[in-house]
N, C-alpha and C. Protein backbone atom coordinates (compact mmCIF):
# COMPACT_ATOMS: atom_id res chain seq x y z
N MET A 1 14.98 -39.55 -79.25
CA MET A 1 15.95 -40.45 -78.68
C MET A 1 16.86 -40.94 -79.80
N VAL A 2 18.12 -40.70 -79.65
CA VAL A 2 19.10 -41.13 -80.64
C VAL A 2 19.87 -42.31 -80.06
N THR A 3 20.00 -43.38 -80.85
CA THR A 3 20.69 -44.58 -80.40
C THR A 3 21.75 -44.98 -81.42
N LEU A 4 22.57 -45.92 -81.05
CA LEU A 4 23.52 -46.48 -82.00
C LEU A 4 22.75 -47.31 -83.02
N ALA A 5 23.24 -47.32 -84.25
CA ALA A 5 22.55 -48.01 -85.33
C ALA A 5 22.80 -49.52 -85.26
N THR A 6 21.76 -50.26 -84.94
CA THR A 6 21.79 -51.71 -85.01
C THR A 6 20.54 -52.13 -85.77
N GLY A 7 20.36 -53.38 -85.99
CA GLY A 7 19.19 -53.84 -86.72
C GLY A 7 17.88 -53.65 -85.99
N THR A 8 17.94 -53.55 -84.67
CA THR A 8 16.71 -53.44 -83.89
C THR A 8 16.66 -52.17 -83.03
N ALA A 9 17.59 -51.25 -83.21
CA ALA A 9 17.69 -50.08 -82.34
C ALA A 9 16.44 -49.21 -82.38
N GLU A 10 15.88 -48.99 -83.57
CA GLU A 10 14.69 -48.15 -83.67
C GLU A 10 13.52 -48.77 -82.92
N ARG A 11 13.33 -50.06 -83.07
CA ARG A 11 12.22 -50.73 -82.40
C ARG A 11 12.40 -50.70 -80.89
N ARG A 12 13.62 -50.94 -80.41
CA ARG A 12 13.86 -50.93 -78.96
C ARG A 12 13.71 -49.53 -78.38
N ALA A 13 14.16 -48.52 -79.11
CA ALA A 13 14.00 -47.14 -78.65
C ALA A 13 12.52 -46.77 -78.59
N LEU A 14 11.77 -47.18 -79.59
CA LEU A 14 10.33 -46.90 -79.61
C LEU A 14 9.64 -47.57 -78.44
N GLU A 15 10.00 -48.81 -78.16
CA GLU A 15 9.40 -49.52 -77.04
C GLU A 15 9.70 -48.81 -75.73
N THR A 16 10.91 -48.30 -75.58
CA THR A 16 11.29 -47.57 -74.37
C THR A 16 10.47 -46.30 -74.22
N MET A 17 10.33 -45.52 -75.31
CA MET A 17 9.57 -44.28 -75.25
C MET A 17 8.09 -44.54 -74.99
N LEU A 18 7.54 -45.58 -75.63
CA LEU A 18 6.13 -45.89 -75.43
C LEU A 18 5.86 -46.41 -74.02
N LYS A 19 6.79 -47.15 -73.47
CA LYS A 19 6.63 -47.64 -72.10
C LYS A 19 6.53 -46.46 -71.14
N PHE A 20 7.37 -45.45 -71.34
CA PHE A 20 7.33 -44.23 -70.53
C PHE A 20 5.98 -43.53 -70.69
N LYS A 21 5.49 -43.45 -71.93
CA LYS A 21 4.22 -42.77 -72.21
C LYS A 21 3.05 -43.49 -71.56
N VAL A 22 3.01 -44.80 -71.66
CA VAL A 22 1.93 -45.59 -71.06
C VAL A 22 1.94 -45.44 -69.54
N LYS A 23 3.13 -45.47 -68.97
CA LYS A 23 3.26 -45.33 -67.52
C LYS A 23 2.75 -43.96 -67.07
N LYS A 24 3.05 -42.93 -67.84
CA LYS A 24 2.63 -41.57 -67.50
C LYS A 24 1.11 -41.43 -67.61
N LEU A 25 0.53 -41.98 -68.68
CA LEU A 25 -0.91 -41.85 -68.88
C LEU A 25 -1.72 -42.81 -68.01
N GLY A 26 -1.15 -43.98 -67.75
CA GLY A 26 -1.86 -44.97 -66.94
C GLY A 26 -2.96 -45.69 -67.67
N ARG A 27 -2.91 -45.73 -68.99
CA ARG A 27 -3.93 -46.44 -69.78
C ARG A 27 -3.31 -46.97 -71.07
N ARG A 28 -4.06 -47.80 -71.77
CA ARG A 28 -3.62 -48.37 -73.05
C ARG A 28 -3.60 -47.28 -74.11
N ILE A 29 -2.59 -47.30 -74.97
CA ILE A 29 -2.51 -46.35 -76.08
C ILE A 29 -2.32 -47.14 -77.38
N THR A 30 -2.53 -46.47 -78.50
CA THR A 30 -2.28 -47.09 -79.81
C THR A 30 -1.15 -46.33 -80.49
N VAL A 31 -0.46 -47.01 -81.39
CA VAL A 31 0.63 -46.39 -82.13
C VAL A 31 0.61 -46.91 -83.56
N GLY A 32 0.71 -45.99 -84.54
CA GLY A 32 0.78 -46.36 -85.94
C GLY A 32 2.23 -46.45 -86.37
N GLU A 33 2.57 -47.50 -87.13
CA GLU A 33 3.96 -47.72 -87.52
C GLU A 33 4.06 -48.19 -88.97
N ASP A 34 5.27 -48.06 -89.53
CA ASP A 34 5.56 -48.49 -90.89
C ASP A 34 5.71 -50.00 -90.99
N LYS A 35 5.85 -50.47 -92.22
CA LYS A 35 6.02 -51.91 -92.47
C LYS A 35 7.25 -52.54 -91.82
N PRO A 36 8.39 -51.85 -91.76
CA PRO A 36 9.55 -52.50 -91.13
C PRO A 36 9.34 -52.90 -89.67
N TYR A 37 8.35 -52.29 -89.02
CA TYR A 37 8.07 -52.62 -87.61
C TYR A 37 7.15 -53.83 -87.48
N ASP A 38 6.74 -54.42 -88.58
CA ASP A 38 5.84 -55.56 -88.56
C ASP A 38 6.62 -56.86 -88.32
N THR A 39 7.13 -57.00 -87.11
CA THR A 39 7.83 -58.21 -86.71
C THR A 39 7.12 -58.78 -85.49
N ALA A 40 7.15 -60.09 -85.36
CA ALA A 40 6.41 -60.75 -84.28
C ALA A 40 6.92 -60.32 -82.91
N ASP A 41 8.25 -60.22 -82.74
CA ASP A 41 8.77 -59.86 -81.42
C ASP A 41 8.42 -58.43 -81.04
N HIS A 42 8.45 -57.51 -82.00
CA HIS A 42 8.12 -56.11 -81.71
C HIS A 42 6.64 -55.97 -81.33
N VAL A 43 5.77 -56.60 -82.10
CA VAL A 43 4.33 -56.54 -81.82
C VAL A 43 4.03 -57.16 -80.45
N THR A 44 4.69 -58.28 -80.14
CA THR A 44 4.50 -58.92 -78.83
C THR A 44 4.98 -58.02 -77.70
N ASN A 45 6.14 -57.39 -77.89
CA ASN A 45 6.66 -56.48 -76.86
C ASN A 45 5.73 -55.29 -76.63
N LEU A 46 5.16 -54.75 -77.70
CA LEU A 46 4.25 -53.62 -77.55
C LEU A 46 2.99 -54.03 -76.81
N ARG A 47 2.45 -55.19 -77.15
CA ARG A 47 1.24 -55.65 -76.46
C ARG A 47 1.53 -55.92 -74.98
N ALA A 48 2.75 -56.34 -74.68
CA ALA A 48 3.11 -56.62 -73.29
C ALA A 48 3.18 -55.35 -72.45
N ILE A 49 3.48 -54.20 -73.07
CA ILE A 49 3.56 -52.95 -72.30
C ILE A 49 2.29 -52.11 -72.44
N ASN A 50 1.18 -52.76 -72.83
CA ASN A 50 -0.13 -52.12 -72.90
C ASN A 50 -0.25 -51.11 -74.03
N VAL A 51 0.33 -51.43 -75.19
CA VAL A 51 0.25 -50.60 -76.38
C VAL A 51 -0.38 -51.42 -77.50
N THR A 52 -1.39 -50.85 -78.16
CA THR A 52 -2.00 -51.52 -79.30
C THR A 52 -1.25 -51.11 -80.55
N PRO A 53 -0.54 -52.05 -81.20
CA PRO A 53 0.24 -51.69 -82.39
C PRO A 53 -0.63 -51.63 -83.65
N HIS A 54 -0.67 -50.49 -84.30
CA HIS A 54 -1.34 -50.35 -85.58
C HIS A 54 -0.25 -50.26 -86.65
N VAL A 55 0.35 -51.40 -86.93
CA VAL A 55 1.48 -51.49 -87.84
C VAL A 55 0.97 -51.77 -89.25
N ALA A 56 1.53 -51.08 -90.24
CA ALA A 56 1.19 -51.37 -91.63
C ALA A 56 1.61 -52.81 -91.93
N GLN A 57 0.69 -53.59 -92.47
CA GLN A 57 0.97 -55.00 -92.69
C GLN A 57 2.01 -55.20 -93.79
N ASN A 58 3.01 -56.02 -93.48
CA ASN A 58 4.04 -56.35 -94.45
C ASN A 58 3.78 -57.77 -94.94
N ASP A 59 2.81 -57.89 -95.83
CA ASP A 59 2.47 -59.20 -96.38
C ASP A 59 2.79 -59.27 -97.87
N SER A 60 3.86 -58.59 -98.26
CA SER A 60 4.27 -58.58 -99.66
C SER A 60 4.90 -59.92 -100.04
N ILE A 61 5.13 -60.08 -101.32
CA ILE A 61 5.72 -61.32 -101.84
C ILE A 61 7.24 -61.16 -101.86
N THR A 62 7.95 -62.16 -101.34
CA THR A 62 9.40 -62.12 -101.27
C THR A 62 10.01 -62.45 -102.63
N SER A 63 11.32 -62.37 -102.71
CA SER A 63 12.00 -62.67 -103.98
C SER A 63 11.91 -64.14 -104.34
N THR A 64 11.63 -65.00 -103.36
CA THR A 64 11.48 -66.43 -103.63
C THR A 64 10.05 -66.79 -103.99
N GLY A 65 9.15 -65.81 -103.98
CA GLY A 65 7.77 -66.06 -104.37
C GLY A 65 6.83 -66.38 -103.22
N LYS A 66 7.34 -66.40 -102.01
CA LYS A 66 6.47 -66.67 -100.86
C LYS A 66 5.91 -65.36 -100.32
N ARG A 67 4.73 -65.45 -99.75
CA ARG A 67 4.11 -64.28 -99.14
C ARG A 67 4.53 -64.18 -97.69
N ARG A 68 4.93 -62.97 -97.30
CA ARG A 68 5.32 -62.75 -95.90
C ARG A 68 4.09 -62.85 -95.01
N ARG A 69 4.30 -63.25 -93.77
CA ARG A 69 3.20 -63.32 -92.80
C ARG A 69 3.30 -62.11 -91.88
N SER A 70 2.23 -61.35 -91.82
CA SER A 70 2.20 -60.17 -90.98
C SER A 70 1.95 -60.56 -89.53
N ALA A 71 2.55 -59.82 -88.61
CA ALA A 71 2.32 -60.04 -87.18
C ALA A 71 0.99 -59.42 -86.75
N ILE A 72 0.40 -58.59 -87.59
CA ILE A 72 -0.88 -57.95 -87.31
C ILE A 72 -1.96 -58.73 -88.03
N ASP A 73 -2.95 -59.18 -87.28
CA ASP A 73 -4.02 -59.98 -87.89
C ASP A 73 -5.31 -59.17 -88.00
N GLY A 74 -6.37 -59.83 -88.41
CA GLY A 74 -7.65 -59.19 -88.64
C GLY A 74 -8.29 -58.60 -87.39
N ARG A 75 -7.90 -59.08 -86.22
CA ARG A 75 -8.46 -58.52 -84.98
C ARG A 75 -8.11 -57.05 -84.84
N THR A 76 -6.97 -56.67 -85.35
CA THR A 76 -6.53 -55.27 -85.26
C THR A 76 -7.00 -54.47 -86.47
N THR A 77 -6.86 -55.02 -87.65
CA THR A 77 -7.13 -54.26 -88.88
C THR A 77 -8.61 -54.03 -89.14
N ARG A 78 -9.49 -54.79 -88.51
CA ARG A 78 -10.93 -54.64 -88.78
C ARG A 78 -11.53 -53.39 -88.14
N HIS A 79 -10.83 -52.80 -87.19
CA HIS A 79 -11.37 -51.64 -86.48
C HIS A 79 -11.11 -50.36 -87.25
N GLN A 80 -12.00 -49.39 -87.08
CA GLN A 80 -11.89 -48.11 -87.76
C GLN A 80 -10.65 -47.35 -87.30
N GLY A 81 -10.26 -47.52 -86.06
CA GLY A 81 -9.09 -46.82 -85.51
C GLY A 81 -7.80 -47.21 -86.21
N TYR A 82 -7.73 -48.42 -86.76
CA TYR A 82 -6.53 -48.86 -87.48
C TYR A 82 -6.29 -47.97 -88.69
N GLY A 83 -7.33 -47.73 -89.47
CA GLY A 83 -7.21 -46.86 -90.64
C GLY A 83 -6.87 -45.43 -90.26
N MET A 84 -7.44 -44.95 -89.15
CA MET A 84 -7.13 -43.60 -88.69
C MET A 84 -5.67 -43.50 -88.28
N SER A 85 -5.16 -44.52 -87.59
CA SER A 85 -3.76 -44.52 -87.17
C SER A 85 -2.82 -44.51 -88.38
N GLN A 86 -3.19 -45.24 -89.42
CA GLN A 86 -2.34 -45.30 -90.60
C GLN A 86 -2.32 -43.96 -91.33
N SER A 87 -3.45 -43.24 -91.36
CA SER A 87 -3.45 -41.93 -92.02
C SER A 87 -2.68 -40.91 -91.18
N CYS A 88 -2.77 -40.98 -89.85
CA CYS A 88 -1.98 -40.08 -88.99
C CYS A 88 -0.49 -40.38 -89.14
N ARG A 89 -0.14 -41.65 -89.28
CA ARG A 89 1.26 -42.05 -89.46
C ARG A 89 1.80 -41.43 -90.75
N ALA A 90 1.00 -41.45 -91.80
CA ALA A 90 1.44 -40.89 -93.08
C ALA A 90 1.67 -39.38 -92.97
N MET A 91 0.83 -38.69 -92.20
CA MET A 91 1.02 -37.25 -92.02
C MET A 91 2.29 -36.97 -91.23
N THR A 92 2.59 -37.79 -90.24
CA THR A 92 3.80 -37.60 -89.44
C THR A 92 5.04 -37.84 -90.30
N GLU A 93 4.97 -38.77 -91.23
CA GLU A 93 6.10 -39.04 -92.11
C GLU A 93 6.46 -37.85 -92.98
N CYS A 94 5.51 -36.96 -93.25
CA CYS A 94 5.79 -35.75 -94.03
C CYS A 94 6.83 -34.88 -93.33
N ILE A 95 6.79 -34.84 -92.01
CA ILE A 95 7.74 -34.04 -91.24
C ILE A 95 9.16 -34.55 -91.48
N PHE A 96 9.33 -35.87 -91.40
CA PHE A 96 10.66 -36.44 -91.59
C PHE A 96 11.08 -36.39 -93.06
N GLY A 97 10.11 -36.46 -93.96
CA GLY A 97 10.42 -36.32 -95.38
C GLY A 97 10.98 -34.94 -95.69
N TRP A 98 10.45 -33.90 -95.02
CA TRP A 98 10.98 -32.56 -95.21
C TRP A 98 12.44 -32.51 -94.77
N GLY A 99 12.74 -33.11 -93.64
CA GLY A 99 14.12 -33.11 -93.14
C GLY A 99 15.07 -33.84 -94.06
N LYS A 100 14.58 -34.86 -94.73
CA LYS A 100 15.44 -35.61 -95.65
C LYS A 100 15.61 -34.88 -96.98
N GLN A 101 14.54 -34.24 -97.45
CA GLN A 101 14.62 -33.57 -98.75
C GLN A 101 15.26 -32.19 -98.67
N HIS A 102 14.88 -31.40 -97.66
CA HIS A 102 15.35 -30.02 -97.58
C HIS A 102 16.36 -29.80 -96.46
N GLY A 103 16.33 -30.63 -95.46
CA GLY A 103 17.23 -30.46 -94.32
C GLY A 103 18.49 -31.29 -94.48
N THR A 104 19.08 -31.65 -93.36
CA THR A 104 20.33 -32.41 -93.38
C THR A 104 20.17 -33.81 -92.79
N MET A 105 18.96 -34.35 -92.85
CA MET A 105 18.72 -35.66 -92.25
C MET A 105 18.95 -36.84 -93.20
N ARG A 106 19.17 -36.57 -94.48
CA ARG A 106 19.32 -37.69 -95.42
C ARG A 106 20.55 -38.52 -95.12
N LYS A 107 21.67 -37.87 -94.98
CA LYS A 107 22.92 -38.58 -94.69
C LYS A 107 23.70 -37.75 -93.69
N THR A 108 23.70 -38.18 -92.46
CA THR A 108 24.33 -37.38 -91.42
C THR A 108 25.85 -37.36 -91.57
N LYS A 109 26.42 -36.24 -91.23
CA LYS A 109 27.87 -36.07 -91.31
C LYS A 109 28.48 -36.11 -89.91
N HIS A 110 27.67 -36.41 -88.92
CA HIS A 110 28.12 -36.40 -87.53
C HIS A 110 28.39 -37.82 -87.05
N ARG A 111 29.24 -37.94 -86.06
CA ARG A 111 29.61 -39.25 -85.54
C ARG A 111 29.12 -39.51 -84.12
N SER A 112 28.97 -38.47 -83.32
CA SER A 112 28.55 -38.70 -81.94
C SER A 112 27.03 -38.63 -81.83
N ILE A 113 26.49 -39.31 -80.84
CA ILE A 113 25.05 -39.32 -80.63
C ILE A 113 24.55 -37.91 -80.31
N ALA A 114 25.32 -37.16 -79.52
CA ALA A 114 24.91 -35.79 -79.17
C ALA A 114 24.84 -34.90 -80.40
N ASP A 115 25.80 -35.03 -81.31
CA ASP A 115 25.79 -34.21 -82.53
C ASP A 115 24.63 -34.58 -83.45
N VAL A 116 24.33 -35.87 -83.56
CA VAL A 116 23.21 -36.31 -84.39
C VAL A 116 21.89 -35.81 -83.79
N ALA A 117 21.76 -35.87 -82.46
CA ALA A 117 20.55 -35.38 -81.80
C ALA A 117 20.39 -33.88 -82.01
N ALA A 118 21.47 -33.13 -81.91
CA ALA A 118 21.41 -31.68 -82.11
C ALA A 118 21.03 -31.36 -83.56
N ASP A 119 21.57 -32.10 -84.52
CA ASP A 119 21.24 -31.89 -85.92
C ASP A 119 19.77 -32.19 -86.18
N PHE A 120 19.25 -33.24 -85.55
CA PHE A 120 17.84 -33.58 -85.70
C PHE A 120 16.95 -32.47 -85.15
N LEU A 121 17.28 -31.95 -83.97
CA LEU A 121 16.49 -30.86 -83.39
C LEU A 121 16.57 -29.60 -84.24
N LEU A 122 17.73 -29.33 -84.83
CA LEU A 122 17.86 -28.19 -85.72
C LEU A 122 16.95 -28.35 -86.93
N ASN A 123 16.89 -29.54 -87.50
CA ASN A 123 16.01 -29.80 -88.63
C ASN A 123 14.55 -29.61 -88.24
N CYS A 124 14.19 -30.08 -87.06
CA CYS A 124 12.81 -29.91 -86.58
C CYS A 124 12.49 -28.43 -86.42
N ARG A 125 13.42 -27.68 -85.89
CA ARG A 125 13.22 -26.24 -85.69
C ARG A 125 13.09 -25.52 -87.02
N LEU A 126 13.94 -25.87 -87.98
CA LEU A 126 13.87 -25.22 -89.29
C LEU A 126 12.60 -25.60 -90.03
N GLN A 127 12.13 -26.81 -89.82
CA GLN A 127 10.90 -27.24 -90.48
C GLN A 127 9.71 -26.45 -89.95
N SER A 128 9.73 -26.10 -88.67
CA SER A 128 8.61 -25.37 -88.10
C SER A 128 8.66 -23.89 -88.45
N ASP A 129 9.85 -23.32 -88.60
CA ASP A 129 9.98 -21.90 -88.93
C ASP A 129 11.30 -21.68 -89.67
N PRO A 130 11.30 -21.77 -91.01
CA PRO A 130 12.54 -21.66 -91.77
C PRO A 130 13.20 -20.29 -91.69
N HIS A 131 12.50 -19.26 -91.23
CA HIS A 131 13.06 -17.92 -91.11
C HIS A 131 12.93 -17.46 -89.66
N PRO A 132 13.74 -18.00 -88.73
CA PRO A 132 13.56 -17.67 -87.33
C PRO A 132 13.82 -16.20 -86.99
N GLN A 133 14.64 -15.49 -87.77
CA GLN A 133 14.91 -14.08 -87.44
C GLN A 133 13.69 -13.20 -87.70
N THR A 134 12.98 -13.48 -88.79
CA THR A 134 11.83 -12.65 -89.13
C THR A 134 10.55 -13.15 -88.48
N GLY A 135 10.55 -14.40 -88.03
CA GLY A 135 9.33 -14.95 -87.47
C GLY A 135 8.29 -15.27 -88.52
N ARG A 136 8.72 -15.24 -89.79
CA ARG A 136 7.79 -15.50 -90.87
C ARG A 136 8.28 -16.70 -91.67
N GLY A 137 7.50 -17.73 -91.72
CA GLY A 137 7.89 -18.93 -92.45
C GLY A 137 7.55 -18.83 -93.91
N VAL A 138 8.01 -19.77 -94.67
CA VAL A 138 7.73 -19.82 -96.09
C VAL A 138 6.37 -20.46 -96.28
N VAL A 139 5.51 -19.83 -97.04
CA VAL A 139 4.21 -20.39 -97.37
C VAL A 139 4.25 -20.73 -98.84
N HIS A 140 3.97 -21.98 -99.17
CA HIS A 140 4.07 -22.42 -100.55
C HIS A 140 3.11 -21.64 -101.44
N GLY A 141 3.61 -21.22 -102.57
CA GLY A 141 2.80 -20.50 -103.54
C GLY A 141 2.77 -19.00 -103.32
N ARG A 142 3.49 -18.49 -102.33
CA ARG A 142 3.51 -17.05 -102.07
C ARG A 142 4.94 -16.56 -102.08
N SER A 143 5.11 -15.35 -102.49
CA SER A 143 6.45 -14.79 -102.45
C SER A 143 6.78 -14.36 -101.03
N LYS A 144 8.04 -14.12 -100.77
CA LYS A 144 8.50 -13.80 -99.43
C LYS A 144 7.92 -12.49 -98.90
N GLY A 145 7.62 -11.56 -99.78
CA GLY A 145 7.16 -10.25 -99.34
C GLY A 145 5.67 -10.15 -99.06
N THR A 146 4.86 -11.13 -99.47
CA THR A 146 3.42 -11.02 -99.25
C THR A 146 3.09 -11.33 -97.81
N LYS A 147 1.97 -10.78 -97.37
CA LYS A 147 1.56 -11.02 -96.00
C LYS A 147 0.90 -12.39 -95.93
N ALA A 148 1.47 -13.23 -95.12
CA ALA A 148 0.93 -14.57 -94.94
C ALA A 148 1.22 -15.00 -93.51
N ARG A 149 0.42 -15.91 -93.04
CA ARG A 149 0.66 -16.41 -91.69
C ARG A 149 1.93 -17.23 -91.67
N SER A 150 2.56 -17.25 -90.55
CA SER A 150 3.78 -18.02 -90.39
C SER A 150 3.48 -19.50 -90.56
N ILE A 151 4.41 -20.20 -91.16
CA ILE A 151 4.23 -21.64 -91.34
C ILE A 151 4.18 -22.36 -90.00
N ALA A 152 4.80 -21.77 -88.99
CA ALA A 152 4.76 -22.37 -87.66
C ALA A 152 3.35 -22.33 -87.09
N LYS A 153 2.52 -21.39 -87.55
CA LYS A 153 1.15 -21.31 -87.07
C LYS A 153 0.21 -22.14 -87.92
N THR A 154 0.60 -22.50 -89.14
CA THR A 154 -0.30 -23.23 -90.02
C THR A 154 -0.10 -24.73 -89.95
N ARG A 155 1.03 -25.20 -89.47
CA ARG A 155 1.21 -26.64 -89.28
C ARG A 155 2.09 -26.85 -88.06
N PRO A 156 1.90 -27.97 -87.38
CA PRO A 156 2.63 -28.16 -86.12
C PRO A 156 4.10 -28.45 -86.36
N SER A 157 4.90 -27.99 -85.46
CA SER A 157 6.32 -28.28 -85.50
C SER A 157 6.53 -29.74 -85.14
N SER A 158 7.42 -30.40 -85.86
CA SER A 158 7.68 -31.81 -85.54
C SER A 158 8.27 -31.93 -84.15
N GLU A 159 9.08 -30.95 -83.75
CA GLU A 159 9.68 -31.00 -82.42
C GLU A 159 8.59 -30.89 -81.36
N ARG A 160 7.66 -29.94 -81.57
CA ARG A 160 6.58 -29.79 -80.61
C ARG A 160 5.68 -31.02 -80.62
N THR A 161 5.37 -31.55 -81.79
CA THR A 161 4.49 -32.70 -81.89
C THR A 161 5.11 -33.90 -81.19
N MET A 162 6.37 -34.21 -81.47
CA MET A 162 7.02 -35.35 -80.83
C MET A 162 7.15 -35.12 -79.33
N ALA A 163 7.47 -33.89 -78.93
CA ALA A 163 7.62 -33.60 -77.52
C ALA A 163 6.28 -33.74 -76.79
N GLN A 164 5.20 -33.28 -77.41
CA GLN A 164 3.89 -33.43 -76.80
C GLN A 164 3.52 -34.90 -76.71
N PHE A 165 3.82 -35.67 -77.76
CA PHE A 165 3.52 -37.09 -77.75
C PHE A 165 4.25 -37.80 -76.61
N LEU A 166 5.50 -37.43 -76.42
CA LEU A 166 6.30 -38.08 -75.38
C LEU A 166 6.08 -37.46 -74.00
N GLY A 167 5.33 -36.36 -73.94
CA GLY A 167 5.03 -35.74 -72.67
C GLY A 167 6.10 -34.79 -72.17
N PHE A 168 7.01 -34.37 -73.06
CA PHE A 168 8.06 -33.43 -72.67
C PHE A 168 7.62 -32.04 -73.09
N SER A 169 8.27 -31.03 -72.55
CA SER A 169 7.98 -29.66 -72.99
C SER A 169 9.02 -29.26 -74.02
N ALA A 170 8.57 -28.58 -75.07
CA ALA A 170 9.47 -28.11 -76.12
C ALA A 170 9.71 -26.63 -75.91
N ASN A 171 10.94 -26.21 -76.03
CA ASN A 171 11.30 -24.81 -75.78
C ASN A 171 11.39 -23.99 -77.05
N CYS A 172 10.94 -24.50 -78.17
CA CYS A 172 11.06 -23.70 -79.38
C CYS A 172 9.74 -23.63 -80.12
């Protein structure tokens, strides 16, 4: 989901997507998130739509020397699932890190929402299979000519992973 850039657009888009997912599943789900999502209103909104937020706690010290107060308390962090969600979140971030380092996601050159969405899907597709004509992806530590399994078979495509998470079908 691509939205206009505002201070809260990512959080509102996430809440919309998760609301759809909860409605489809009909049960409570958990979601792991980064520190910027550790705001009281976002955590409250997620709990209201039957989502357990496993947000990385933002309790760092500010420039004035005060410690920030996290919206996530010990009731959430004491469970084993919190740590599992945080490690899964870190693995998912690798997909977007690839798009920023090797793809074109670092600084978009597009202005319309449709163009930005298409560029994002292209990055996801290239991340899953950088050589779509040959059907053979790049495997780290091997030359192009050696026989190796396709990278698309050794790690999940971000497009497929996000589509499966949201309950959509991916065509690539």
